[in-house]
Amino acid sequence: MRGPGRGDVKAATIEDGGRYQDVVFRDLDRSGRLQDATFVSCTFEGARVREAAVHGCRFLTCSFVACDLSLADVQGSAFRDASFDGCNLTGINWARATRTLHDPLEVDFRDCVLDFGVFRGCALEGRRLAHCTAHECDFNRAALLGAVCRGTDFEGSSFEGADLRGADFRHARNYAIDVRHTLVKGARFSLPEAFALLQGLEIEIEAEAE
């Protein structure tokens, strides 16, 4: 095994091709390229990996807390049961991550900034995108069946051709979902935000005259 093993805290370096298990990385500050590294049951706290090229890496059952990964390039990297809490994930193209049968995109987000993210065509069934800001995101053709999107601000995001069946959008806001071009059966929404679902249906709603 290259790199730290079990129980190590705050590893000084992460090497290309290294394998790390049960390691807690605190205040990691890395730029440039990281390639072909594997992380199993690791925790990243306060990591700063802005604009880094994270290629061909594997994150298996890992947690990211208060990290800044904005504009990171995750080409060919696998995320399985990865959770992000309070992280800045602005401008990440998640569609570039590995999404094969053996390496699905299994990510959960809570209280994160996902602005300008790309989830086009991603399979996110049953995943969590709760209490986040997701401005100007691309969810076109994404599969969000049963996903929990409660309390998230989707201002400017697109859902063309997305599958939202059974998704929980209660208390989400600023979404523009065209029900003519998305699947929404069984999805849950709350008022008054749900009135946005009527846009594009060419109908008029008026208050009842007294």
Protein backbone atom coordinates (compact mmCIF):
# COMPACT_ATOMS: atom_id res chain seq x y z
CA MET A 1 0.00 0.00 0.00
CA ARG A 2 1.42 3.35 -0.99
CA GLY A 3 0.68 6.33 1.22
CA PRO A 4 -0.73 6.37 4.78
CA GLY A 5 -2.75 3.42 6.01
CA ARG A 6 -5.39 3.12 8.68
CA GLY A 7 -5.64 5.59 11.50
CA ASP A 8 -3.32 8.23 10.09
CA VAL A 9 -4.45 11.84 10.54
CA LYS A 10 -3.55 14.80 8.36
CA ALA A 11 -1.27 13.08 5.88
CA ALA A 12 1.45 15.42 4.67
CA THR A 13 1.20 14.41 1.03
CA ILE A 14 -1.07 12.57 -1.34
CA GLU A 15 0.70 10.75 -4.13
CA ASP A 16 -0.51 9.84 -7.58
CA GLY A 17 -1.52 6.20 -7.57
CA GLY A 18 -1.60 6.08 -3.75
CA ARG A 19 -4.16 4.16 -1.73
CA TYR A 20 -5.48 5.62 1.54
CA GLN A 21 -7.91 4.01 3.95
CA ASP A 22 -9.51 5.37 7.14
CA VAL A 23 -7.43 8.55 6.91
CA VAL A 24 -8.61 11.97 8.12
CA PHE A 25 -7.21 14.79 5.99
CA ARG A 26 -7.51 18.13 7.75
CA ASP A 27 -6.90 21.47 5.99
CA LEU A 28 -5.43 19.80 2.94
CA ASP A 29 -4.34 22.44 0.41
CA ARG A 30 -3.64 21.04 -3.03
CA SER A 31 -3.67 22.37 -6.57
CA GLY A 32 -2.47 21.01 -9.89
CA ARG A 33 -3.14 17.37 -10.75
CA LEU A 34 -3.98 14.31 -8.69
CA GLN A 35 -4.25 11.09 -10.63
CA ASP A 36 -5.25 7.46 -10.00
CA ALA A 37 -5.38 7.71 -6.19
CA THR A 38 -7.86 5.63 -4.19
CA PHE A 39 -9.51 6.73 -0.95
CA VAL A 40 -11.55 4.30 1.15
CA SER A 41 -13.59 5.50 4.14
CA CYS A 42 -11.57 8.71 4.32
CA THR A 43 -12.66 12.10 5.68
CA PHE A 44 -11.64 15.45 4.23
CA GLU A 45 -12.14 18.42 6.56
CA GLY A 46 -11.52 21.95 5.33
CA ALA A 47 -9.72 20.79 2.18
CA ARG A 48 -8.91 23.39 -0.49
CA VAL A 49 -8.68 21.78 -3.91
CA ARG A 50 -9.76 24.69 -6.10
CA GLU A 51 -9.33 24.23 -9.86
CA ALA A 52 -7.41 20.98 -9.35
CA ALA A 53 -7.42 18.20 -11.94
CA VAL A 54 -8.63 15.13 -10.03
CA HIS A 55 -8.41 12.46 -12.73
CA GLY A 56 -9.06 8.75 -12.47
CA CYS A 57 -9.36 8.79 -8.67
CA ARG A 58 -11.73 6.69 -6.57
CA PHE A 59 -13.56 7.98 -3.50
CA LEU A 60 -15.33 5.10 -1.78
CA THR A 61 -17.49 5.86 1.27
CA CYS A 62 -15.70 9.17 1.81
CA SER A 63 -16.91 12.32 3.56
CA PHE A 64 -16.12 15.93 2.65
CA VAL A 65 -16.84 18.57 5.30
CA ALA A 66 -16.46 22.34 4.73
CA CYS A 67 -14.22 21.76 1.70
CA ASP A 68 -13.62 23.99 -1.32
CA LEU A 69 -13.48 21.97 -4.53
CA SER A 70 -14.79 24.71 -6.78
CA LEU A 71 -13.91 24.35 -10.48
CA ALA A 72 -12.22 20.99 -9.87
CA ASP A 73 -12.06 18.69 -12.90
CA VAL A 74 -13.20 15.21 -11.87
CA GLN A 75 -12.70 13.50 -15.21
CA GLY A 76 -12.83 9.72 -14.87
CA SER A 77 -13.05 9.80 -11.07
CA ALA A 78 -15.47 7.54 -9.20
CA PHE A 79 -17.63 8.62 -6.25
CA ARG A 80 -19.37 5.81 -4.42
CA ASP A 81 -21.36 6.69 -1.30
CA ALA A 82 -19.56 10.03 -1.04
CA SER A 83 -21.11 12.75 1.11
CA PHE A 84 -20.51 16.50 0.96
CA ASP A 85 -21.54 18.76 3.84
CA GLY A 86 -21.14 22.54 3.77
CA CYS A 87 -18.82 22.41 0.74
CA ASN A 88 -18.19 24.85 -2.11
CA LEU A 89 -18.58 22.78 -5.29
CA THR A 90 -19.11 25.61 -7.75
CA GLY A 91 -18.62 24.87 -11.43
CA ILE A 92 -17.97 21.11 -11.25
CA ASN A 93 -18.97 19.02 -14.25
CA TRP A 94 -20.10 15.84 -12.52
CA ALA A 95 -20.99 14.30 -15.87
CA ARG A 96 -17.23 13.87 -16.47
CA ALA A 97 -16.96 11.50 -13.51
CA THR A 98 -17.01 7.75 -14.01
CA ARG A 99 -20.57 6.49 -14.13
CA THR A 100 -20.22 2.84 -15.09
CA LEU A 101 -22.19 0.00 -13.53
CA HIS A 102 -19.28 -0.75 -11.21
CA ASP A 103 -18.49 2.91 -10.46
CA PRO A 104 -21.80 4.81 -10.31
CA LEU A 105 -22.01 8.45 -9.31
CA GLU A 106 -23.22 8.06 -5.73
CA VAL A 107 -23.04 11.51 -4.13
CA ASP A 108 -25.06 13.25 -1.42
CA PHE A 109 -25.01 17.00 -0.85
CA ARG A 110 -26.20 18.96 2.17
CA ASP A 111 -25.81 22.71 2.71
CA CYS A 112 -23.48 22.91 -0.30
CA VAL A 113 -22.94 25.43 -3.09
CA LEU A 114 -23.50 23.61 -6.38
CA ASP A 115 -23.83 26.69 -8.59
CA PHE A 116 -23.01 26.27 -12.31
CA GLY A 117 -22.66 22.52 -11.84
CA VAL A 118 -23.34 20.04 -14.64
CA PHE A 119 -25.34 16.91 -13.84
CA ARG A 120 -26.51 16.31 -17.41
CA GLY A 121 -27.55 12.68 -17.84
CA CYS A 122 -26.33 11.70 -14.37
CA ALA A 123 -28.12 8.90 -12.50
CA LEU A 124 -28.89 10.31 -9.06
CA GLU A 125 -31.71 8.02 -7.98
CA GLY A 126 -32.39 8.29 -4.27
CA ARG A 127 -29.53 10.72 -3.69
CA ARG A 128 -29.68 13.85 -1.51
CA LEU A 129 -29.34 17.45 -2.73
CA ALA A 130 -30.83 19.11 0.32
CA HIS A 131 -30.66 22.71 1.55
CA CYS A 132 -28.15 23.66 -1.15
CA THR A 133 -27.84 26.50 -3.61
CA ALA A 134 -27.91 25.13 -7.13
CA HIS A 135 -28.03 28.22 -9.35
CA GLU A 136 -27.66 27.81 -13.12
CA CYS A 137 -27.13 24.05 -12.90
CA ASP A 138 -27.69 21.63 -15.78
CA PHE A 139 -29.93 18.73 -14.73
CA ASN A 140 -31.08 18.02 -18.27
CA ARG A 141 -31.84 14.32 -18.80
CA ALA A 142 -30.71 13.56 -15.24
CA ALA A 143 -32.41 10.74 -13.34
CA LEU A 144 -33.51 12.07 -9.96
CA LEU A 145 -36.05 9.40 -9.10
CA GLY A 146 -36.72 9.49 -5.38
CA ALA A 147 -34.03 12.12 -4.82
CA VAL A 148 -34.35 14.41 -1.81
CA CYS A 149 -34.08 18.02 -3.00
CA ARG A 150 -35.77 19.68 -0.04
CA GLY A 151 -34.95 23.30 0.71
CA THR A 152 -32.64 23.78 -2.27
CA ASP A 153 -32.58 26.96 -4.35
CA PHE A 154 -32.64 25.99 -8.05
CA GLU A 155 -32.66 29.50 -9.54
CA GLY A 156 -31.80 29.39 -13.24
CA SER A 157 -31.34 25.62 -13.35
CA SER A 158 -32.67 23.49 -16.20
CA PHE A 159 -34.43 20.12 -16.00
CA GLU A 160 -35.22 19.42 -19.66
CA GLY A 161 -35.97 15.70 -20.09
CA ALA A 162 -35.18 14.92 -16.45
CA ASP A 163 -36.85 12.10 -14.54
CA LEU A 164 -38.12 13.52 -11.25
CA ARG A 165 -40.58 10.75 -10.37
CA GLY A 166 -40.94 10.38 -6.63
CA ALA A 167 -38.47 13.19 -5.91
CA ASP A 168 -38.98 15.39 -2.86
CA PHE A 169 -38.94 19.09 -3.78
CA ARG A 170 -40.78 20.31 -0.69
CA HIS A 171 -39.58 23.76 0.36
CA ALA A 172 -37.29 23.91 -2.67
CA ARG A 173 -37.57 27.23 -4.48
CA ASN A 174 -36.95 29.13 -7.69
CA TYR A 175 -37.18 26.01 -9.84
CA ALA A 176 -38.49 26.17 -13.41
CA ILE A 177 -39.69 22.69 -14.30
CA ASP A 178 -41.65 22.24 -17.52
CA VAL A 179 -43.98 19.33 -16.74
CA ARG A 180 -44.49 18.79 -20.46
CA HIS A 181 -40.87 17.73 -20.87
CA THR A 182 -40.07 16.12 -17.53
CA LEU A 183 -41.41 13.13 -15.60
CA VAL A 184 -42.90 14.23 -12.29
CA LYS A 185 -45.32 11.47 -11.29
CA GLY A 186 -45.23 10.97 -7.53
CA ALA A 187 -42.91 13.94 -6.94
CA ARG A 188 -43.71 16.10 -3.92
CA PHE A 189 -43.83 19.89 -4.01
CA SER A 190 -45.04 22.53 -1.57
CA LEU A 191 -46.95 25.77 -2.02
CA PRO A 192 -46.55 28.49 -3.06
CA GLU A 193 -43.47 27.39 -5.01
CA ALA A 194 -45.43 24.65 -6.79
CA PHE A 195 -47.32 27.26 -8.81
CA ALA A 196 -44.18 27.46 -10.95
CA LEU A 197 -45.15 24.06 -12.38
CA LEU A 198 -48.03 25.74 -14.20
CA GLN A 199 -45.71 27.89 -16.29
CA GLY A 200 -45.72 26.97 -19.95
CA LEU A 201 -49.16 25.34 -19.81
CA GLU A 202 -50.81 28.35 -21.43
CA ILE A 203 -53.42 28.69 -18.71
CA GLU A 204 -54.52 31.61 -16.61
CA ILE A 205 -55.19 31.52 -12.88
CA GLU A 206 -57.25 34.29 -11.35
CA ALA A 207 -58.33 34.95 -7.82
CA GLU A 208 -62.00 34.25 -7.27
CA ALA A 209 -64.07 37.43 -7.28
CA GLU A 210 -65.91 38.17 -4.07
